[in-house]
N, C-alpha and C. Protein backbone atom coordinates (compact mmCIF):
# COMPACT_ATOMS: atom_id res chain seq x y z
N MET A 1 -67.11 -1.46 -26.51
CA MET A 1 -67.26 0.32 -28.01
C MET A 1 -67.88 -0.39 -29.01
N ILE A 2 -68.02 0.74 -29.33
CA ILE A 2 -69.34 0.74 -29.70
C ILE A 2 -68.55 0.08 -31.38
N GLY A 3 -69.71 -0.38 -32.22
CA GLY A 3 -69.30 -1.07 -33.65
C GLY A 3 -69.32 -0.11 -34.75
N TYR A 4 -68.79 0.15 -36.12
CA TYR A 4 -68.93 0.30 -36.78
C TYR A 4 -70.52 1.27 -37.13
N PHE A 5 -71.03 0.25 -37.58
CA PHE A 5 -72.73 0.38 -37.87
C PHE A 5 -73.58 0.42 -36.45
N ASP A 6 -73.20 0.55 -35.36
CA ASP A 6 -74.25 0.84 -34.26
C ASP A 6 -74.77 2.03 -34.53
N TRP A 7 -74.07 3.18 -34.88
CA TRP A 7 -75.11 4.28 -34.78
C TRP A 7 -75.89 4.68 -35.88
N ILE A 8 -76.38 3.34 -36.48
CA ILE A 8 -77.56 3.40 -37.70
C ILE A 8 -78.37 3.00 -36.67
N SER A 9 -78.13 1.62 -36.22
CA SER A 9 -79.38 1.55 -35.30
C SER A 9 -79.41 2.31 -33.80
N CYS A 10 -79.11 3.01 -33.68
CA CYS A 10 -78.91 3.44 -32.40
C CYS A 10 -80.31 4.17 -32.11
N SER A 11 -81.12 4.41 -31.23
CA SER A 11 -82.70 5.50 -31.35
C SER A 11 -82.23 6.56 -31.09
N TRP A 12 -80.89 7.27 -30.47
CA TRP A 12 -80.44 8.61 -30.26
C TRP A 12 -78.98 8.61 -31.38
N PRO A 13 -79.11 8.83 -32.61
CA PRO A 13 -77.36 8.61 -33.27
C PRO A 13 -76.98 9.88 -32.60
N PHE A 14 -77.57 10.67 -32.20
CA PHE A 14 -76.33 12.00 -31.43
C PHE A 14 -75.73 11.03 -30.44
N LEU A 15 -75.93 10.45 -29.59
CA LEU A 15 -75.49 10.04 -28.04
C LEU A 15 -74.81 8.72 -29.12
N CYS A 16 -75.06 8.11 -29.62
CA CYS A 16 -74.10 7.02 -30.57
C CYS A 16 -72.55 7.96 -31.16
N ILE A 17 -72.99 8.76 -31.98
CA ILE A 17 -72.05 9.85 -32.88
C ILE A 17 -71.46 10.32 -31.45
N HIS A 18 -71.85 10.90 -30.57
CA HIS A 18 -71.13 11.25 -29.02
C HIS A 18 -70.15 10.68 -28.76
N SER A 19 -70.35 9.12 -28.93
CA SER A 19 -69.70 8.05 -27.85
C SER A 19 -68.40 8.14 -28.55
N VAL A 20 -68.85 7.39 -29.78
CA VAL A 20 -67.74 7.50 -30.94
C VAL A 20 -66.94 8.47 -30.82
N ILE A 21 -66.72 10.20 -30.92
CA ILE A 21 -65.81 10.99 -30.78
C ILE A 21 -65.18 10.80 -29.50
N VAL A 22 -66.42 10.51 -28.37
CA VAL A 22 -65.44 10.52 -26.65
C VAL A 22 -64.91 9.47 -27.03
N ILE A 23 -64.72 8.31 -27.27
CA ILE A 23 -63.46 7.17 -27.73
C ILE A 23 -62.64 7.66 -28.69
N PHE A 24 -62.88 8.04 -29.30
CA PHE A 24 -61.51 8.53 -30.30
C PHE A 24 -61.06 9.47 -29.81
N LEU A 25 -61.36 10.28 -29.02
CA LEU A 25 -60.81 11.43 -28.04
C LEU A 25 -59.97 10.72 -26.57
N GLN A 26 -60.21 9.75 -26.50
CA GLN A 26 -59.79 8.99 -25.28
C GLN A 26 -58.49 8.26 -25.84
N HIS A 27 -58.97 7.32 -27.16
CA HIS A 27 -57.73 7.42 -27.88
C HIS A 27 -56.42 8.11 -27.95
N VAL A 28 -56.75 9.46 -28.52
CA VAL A 28 -55.41 10.40 -28.98
C VAL A 28 -55.37 10.76 -27.88
N ASP A 29 -55.61 10.84 -26.55
CA ASP A 29 -55.01 11.30 -25.09
C ASP A 29 -54.25 10.71 -24.75
N VAL A 30 -54.85 8.87 -24.83
CA VAL A 30 -53.45 7.97 -24.42
C VAL A 30 -52.79 7.78 -25.11
N ALA A 31 -52.71 8.24 -26.67
CA ALA A 31 -51.43 8.08 -27.64
C ALA A 31 -50.42 9.57 -27.02
N GLU A 32 -50.88 10.65 -27.13
CA GLU A 32 -50.14 11.28 -26.47
C GLU A 32 -49.34 11.34 -25.41
N LEU A 33 -50.23 11.10 -24.17
CA LEU A 33 -49.65 10.67 -22.71
C LEU A 33 -48.54 9.72 -22.82
N ARG A 34 -48.57 8.68 -24.18
CA ARG A 34 -47.55 7.71 -23.83
C ARG A 34 -46.38 8.97 -24.50
N GLN A 35 -46.28 9.46 -25.61
CA GLN A 35 -45.78 9.90 -26.26
C GLN A 35 -45.01 10.95 -25.44
N LYS A 36 -45.88 11.45 -24.23
CA LYS A 36 -44.93 12.09 -22.91
C LYS A 36 -44.23 11.65 -22.30
N LEU A 37 -44.79 10.61 -21.75
CA LEU A 37 -44.37 9.10 -21.02
C LEU A 37 -42.60 8.71 -21.41
N GLN A 38 -42.50 8.57 -22.82
CA GLN A 38 -41.67 8.07 -23.11
C GLN A 38 -40.11 9.21 -23.18
N ALA A 39 -41.45 10.25 -23.70
CA ALA A 39 -40.09 11.93 -23.16
C ALA A 39 -39.35 12.17 -22.09
N LEU A 40 -40.32 11.59 -20.60
CA LEU A 40 -39.70 12.33 -19.82
C LEU A 40 -39.12 10.78 -18.98
N GLU A 41 -38.89 9.39 -20.11
CA GLU A 41 -37.87 8.36 -19.82
C GLU A 41 -37.06 8.47 -20.47
N SER A 42 -37.11 9.35 -21.42
CA SER A 42 -35.82 9.36 -22.25
C SER A 42 -34.79 10.28 -21.36
N LEU A 43 -35.57 11.60 -20.85
CA LEU A 43 -35.02 12.35 -20.16
C LEU A 43 -34.42 12.09 -18.69
N LYS A 44 -35.12 11.17 -18.12
CA LYS A 44 -34.48 10.48 -17.27
C LYS A 44 -33.33 9.89 -17.43
N LYS A 45 -33.21 9.20 -18.16
CA LYS A 45 -32.13 8.25 -18.73
C LYS A 45 -30.89 9.58 -18.99
N GLU A 46 -31.30 10.21 -19.20
CA GLU A 46 -30.06 11.22 -19.37
C GLU A 46 -30.10 12.36 -18.76
N LEU A 47 -30.46 12.62 -17.79
CA LEU A 47 -30.23 13.05 -16.50
C LEU A 47 -29.51 12.15 -15.86
N GLU A 48 -29.87 10.79 -15.79
CA GLU A 48 -28.94 10.17 -14.91
C GLU A 48 -27.19 9.94 -15.40
N LEU A 49 -27.48 9.44 -16.80
CA LEU A 49 -25.97 9.93 -17.10
C LEU A 49 -25.49 11.19 -17.34
N LEU A 50 -25.75 11.67 -16.92
CA LEU A 50 -25.21 13.22 -16.65
C LEU A 50 -24.87 13.76 -15.09
N GLN A 51 -25.79 13.09 -14.59
CA GLN A 51 -25.25 12.42 -13.28
C GLN A 51 -24.13 11.96 -12.83
N ARG A 52 -24.17 10.48 -13.32
CA ARG A 52 -22.86 10.01 -13.21
C ARG A 52 -21.64 10.61 -14.07
N GLN A 53 -21.56 11.14 -14.93
CA GLN A 53 -20.73 11.97 -15.70
C GLN A 53 -20.46 13.23 -14.82
N LYS A 54 -21.12 13.71 -13.66
CA LYS A 54 -20.99 14.81 -13.12
C LYS A 54 -20.02 14.11 -11.52
N ALA A 55 -20.49 13.00 -11.40
CA ALA A 55 -20.02 12.15 -9.95
C ALA A 55 -18.78 11.90 -10.05
N ALA A 56 -18.10 11.50 -11.82
CA ALA A 56 -16.85 11.49 -12.12
C ALA A 56 -16.39 12.01 -12.23
N SER A 57 -16.57 13.24 -12.60
CA SER A 57 -16.15 14.58 -12.80
C SER A 57 -14.55 15.43 -11.41
N GLU A 58 -16.47 14.91 -10.62
CA GLU A 58 -15.50 15.75 -9.40
C GLU A 58 -14.52 14.63 -8.78
N GLN A 59 -14.76 13.61 -8.66
CA GLN A 59 -14.43 12.28 -8.41
C GLN A 59 -13.01 12.41 -9.02
N ALA A 60 -12.26 12.69 -10.01
CA ALA A 60 -11.71 12.80 -10.72
C ALA A 60 -10.86 14.15 -10.56
N LEU A 61 -11.35 15.09 -10.15
CA LEU A 61 -10.73 16.67 -9.69
C LEU A 61 -10.37 16.46 -8.27
N ASN A 62 -11.46 15.85 -7.34
CA ASN A 62 -10.76 15.35 -5.97
C ASN A 62 -9.31 14.85 -5.63
N GLU A 63 -9.49 13.65 -6.31
CA GLU A 63 -8.52 12.89 -6.60
C GLU A 63 -7.00 13.73 -7.15
N LYS A 64 -7.24 14.75 -7.63
CA LYS A 64 -6.09 15.49 -8.57
C LYS A 64 -5.71 16.21 -8.01
N ARG A 65 -6.23 17.05 -7.01
CA ARG A 65 -6.09 17.69 -5.75
C ARG A 65 -5.57 17.58 -4.44
N ARG A 66 -6.17 16.06 -4.19
CA ARG A 66 -5.32 15.53 -3.30
C ARG A 66 -3.82 15.34 -3.13
N GLN A 67 -3.74 14.57 -4.95
CA GLN A 67 -2.32 14.23 -5.24
C GLN A 67 -1.57 15.46 -4.88
N SER A 68 -2.01 16.85 -6.01
CA SER A 68 -0.96 17.88 -5.83
C SER A 68 -1.01 18.45 -4.75
N SER A 69 -1.81 18.29 -3.36
CA SER A 69 -1.95 18.75 -1.98
C SER A 69 -0.68 17.99 -1.28
N GLY A 70 0.53 19.10 -1.61
CA GLY A 70 1.56 18.69 -0.11
C GLY A 70 0.61 18.43 1.39
N GLY A 71 -0.13 19.23 1.83
CA GLY A 71 -0.83 19.57 2.99
C GLY A 71 0.27 20.83 3.58
N VAL A 72 -0.25 20.94 4.35
CA VAL A 72 0.57 21.74 5.65
C VAL A 72 1.82 21.12 6.27
N TRP A 73 2.06 19.92 6.07
CA TRP A 73 3.57 19.55 6.14
C TRP A 73 4.79 19.68 5.36
N GLY A 74 3.75 20.02 3.97
CA GLY A 74 4.47 19.74 2.76
C GLY A 74 4.70 20.98 2.79
N TRP A 75 4.36 21.71 3.03
CA TRP A 75 4.53 23.19 3.21
C TRP A 75 5.44 23.59 4.22
N ILE A 76 5.65 22.86 5.02
CA ILE A 76 6.43 23.76 6.23
C ILE A 76 8.02 22.97 5.61
N ALA A 77 7.72 21.70 5.88
CA ALA A 77 9.09 20.91 5.21
C ALA A 77 9.92 21.50 3.21
N GLY A 78 8.77 22.18 3.00
CA GLY A 78 8.90 22.86 1.37
C GLY A 78 9.67 22.49 0.77
N THR A 79 8.47 21.37 0.82
CA THR A 79 8.19 20.12 -0.39
C THR A 79 7.00 21.15 -1.59
N PRO A 80 7.89 21.05 -2.54
CA PRO A 80 7.12 21.94 -3.38
C PRO A 80 5.59 20.54 -3.99
N PRO A 81 4.86 21.51 -4.54
CA PRO A 81 3.70 20.44 -4.62
C PRO A 81 3.95 19.82 -6.08
N ASN A 82 2.96 18.60 -6.24
CA ASN A 82 3.37 17.35 -7.54
C ASN A 82 2.98 18.60 -8.86
N GLN A 83 4.00 18.51 -9.54
CA GLN A 83 3.36 19.07 -11.41
C GLN A 83 3.28 18.19 -12.17
N GLN A 84 2.12 17.87 -12.46
CA GLN A 84 1.52 17.41 -13.38
C GLN A 84 0.66 17.88 -14.53
N ASP A 85 1.05 17.31 -15.64
CA ASP A 85 0.05 17.44 -17.05
C ASP A 85 -1.13 17.63 -16.94
N ASP A 86 -1.67 18.00 -17.34
CA ASP A 86 -3.93 18.26 -17.21
C ASP A 86 -3.81 17.27 -18.66
N ALA A 87 -3.22 17.26 -19.36
CA ALA A 87 -3.53 16.55 -20.43
C ALA A 87 -3.39 14.85 -20.14
């Protein structure tokens, strides 16, 4: 990396200043990419949480449907479906 005063002794000051600017912009790019990566990681965790919640809800709904269904044999026998409160 170019030192703080290297541009003074450089035979082509424009090139030294240009190098400093390029390095600065690269650091800015890296910082922005890190922020984007952190945001993506946060979104990934949130998506995983929502997927687990959805799977649990679907499982609970399927379980409730299975318990409340008397099936064909229950219908033939005239057995009413289970009456359960949603609360």
